Amino acid sequence: MKVEGMDYKMRKLYEDVELELKKVNYNDLWTGFSRKEFALYNKVKIFLKNEEIPLLSMKEIL
């Protein structure tokens, strides 16, 4: 699969998860508990709300 297609699927998944998390009343789960930002990742990138960060391979680090 092309990276662009995978990026689209991950971004769509991120949006779907975010919509579900918005439905949760976190304070009902635990007093003072609140929703925080989250990330999804695959073998290539980390997906944040408004950012995508490429993962580095060991070859790139060394």
C-alpha atoms as a PDB file:
ATOM      1  CA  MET A   1       0.000   0.000   0.000  1.00  0.00           C
ATOM      2  CA  LYS A   2       1.242   3.492  -0.815  1.00  0.00           C
ATOM      3  CA  VAL A   3       2.269   5.690   2.098  1.00  0.00           C
ATOM      4  CA  GLU A   4      -0.273   8.333   1.042  1.00  0.00           C
ATOM      5  CA  GLY A   5      -3.093   5.788   1.254  1.00  0.00           C
ATOM      6  CA  MET A   6      -1.859   4.582   4.636  1.00  0.00           C
ATOM      7  CA  ASP A   7      -1.599   8.178   5.874  1.00  0.00           C
ATOM      8  CA  TYR A   8      -5.210   8.766   4.855  1.00  0.00           C
ATOM      9  CA  LYS A   9      -6.368   5.633   6.670  1.00  0.00           C
ATOM     10  CA  MET A  10      -4.441   6.532   9.821  1.00  0.00           C
ATOM     11  CA  ARG A  11      -5.767  10.093   9.758  1.00  0.00           C
ATOM     12  CA  LYS A  12      -9.324   8.765   9.325  1.00  0.00           C
ATOM     13  CA  LEU A  13      -8.792   6.313  12.190  1.00  0.00           C
ATOM     14  CA  TYR A  14      -7.471   9.162  14.356  1.00  0.00           C
ATOM     15  CA  GLU A  15     -10.589  11.222  13.623  1.00  0.00           C
ATOM     16  CA  ASP A  16     -12.872   8.250  14.371  1.00  0.00           C
ATOM     17  CA  VAL A  17     -11.155   7.562  17.702  1.00  0.00           C
ATOM     18  CA  GLU A  18     -11.283  11.252  18.611  1.00  0.00           C
ATOM     19  CA  LEU A  19     -15.042  11.367  17.949  1.00  0.00           C
ATOM     20  CA  GLU A  20     -15.611   8.376  20.229  1.00  0.00           C
ATOM     21  CA  LEU A  21     -13.418   9.805  22.990  1.00  0.00           C
ATOM     22  CA  LYS A  22     -15.375  13.071  22.905  1.00  0.00           C
ATOM     23  CA  LYS A  23     -18.490  11.103  23.905  1.00  0.00           C
ATOM     24  CA  VAL A  24     -16.946   9.936  27.184  1.00  0.00           C
ATOM     25  CA  ASN A  25     -17.632  11.831  30.415  1.00  0.00           C
ATOM     26  CA  TYR A  26     -14.237  11.295  32.007  1.00  0.00           C
ATOM     27  CA  ASN A  27     -15.242  12.821  35.327  1.00  0.00           C
ATOM     28  CA  ASP A  28     -17.896  10.089  35.642  1.00  0.00           C
ATOM     29  CA  LEU A  29     -15.163   7.478  35.287  1.00  0.00           C
ATOM     30  CA  TRP A  30     -12.988   9.046  37.958  1.00  0.00           C
ATOM     31  CA  THR A  31     -13.420  12.375  39.745  1.00  0.00           C
ATOM     32  CA  GLY A  32     -11.004  14.900  38.285  1.00  0.00           C
ATOM     33  CA  PHE A  33     -10.118  12.668  35.335  1.00  0.00           C
ATOM     34  CA  SER A  34     -10.019  14.505  32.008  1.00  0.00           C
ATOM     35  CA  ARG A  35      -9.383  13.779  28.370  1.00  0.00           C
ATOM     36  CA  LYS A  36      -5.867  14.345  27.058  1.00  0.00           C
ATOM     37  CA  GLU A  37      -4.383  14.381  23.597  1.00  0.00           C
ATOM     38  CA  PHE A  38      -3.390  11.014  22.181  1.00  0.00           C
ATOM     39  CA  ALA A  39      -1.299   9.588  19.366  1.00  0.00           C
ATOM     40  CA  LEU A  40      -1.627   6.703  16.955  1.00  0.00           C
ATOM     41  CA  TYR A  41       1.379   5.205  15.257  1.00  0.00           C
ATOM     42  CA  ASN A  42       2.402   2.672  12.662  1.00  0.00           C
ATOM     43  CA  LYS A  43       5.788   1.482  11.396  1.00  0.00           C
ATOM     44  CA  VAL A  44       6.371   4.745   9.552  1.00  0.00           C
ATOM     45  CA  LYS A  45       4.834   7.681  11.466  1.00  0.00           C
ATOM     46  CA  ILE A  46       3.371   8.978  14.697  1.00  0.00           C
ATOM     47  CA  PHE A  47       0.004  10.656  14.147  1.00  0.00           C
ATOM     48  CA  LEU A  48      -0.951  13.483  16.512  1.00  0.00           C
ATOM     49  CA  LYS A  49      -3.979  15.765  16.249  1.00  0.00           C
ATOM     50  CA  ASN A  50      -2.334  18.308  13.950  1.00  0.00           C
ATOM     51  CA  GLU A  51       1.028  16.750  13.251  1.00  0.00           C
ATOM     52  CA  GLU A  52       2.674  13.691  11.767  1.00  0.00           C
ATOM     53  CA  ILE A  53       6.156  12.738  12.903  1.00  0.00           C
ATOM     54  CA  PRO A  54       8.236  10.264  10.899  1.00  0.00           C
ATOM     55  CA  LEU A  55       9.717   7.388  12.878  1.00  0.00           C
ATOM     56  CA  LEU A  56      13.446   6.993  12.519  1.00  0.00           C
ATOM     57  CA  SER A  57      15.050   3.656  11.806  1.00  0.00           C
ATOM     58  CA  MET A  58      18.130   2.542  13.732  1.00  0.00           C
ATOM     59  CA  LYS A  59      20.189   3.179  10.575  1.00  0.00           C
ATOM     60  CA  GLU A  60      19.088   6.825  10.585  1.00  0.00           C
ATOM     61  CA  ILE A  61      19.840   7.216  14.299  1.00  0.00           C
ATOM     62  CA  LEU A  62      23.317   5.684  14.108  1.00  0.00           C
END
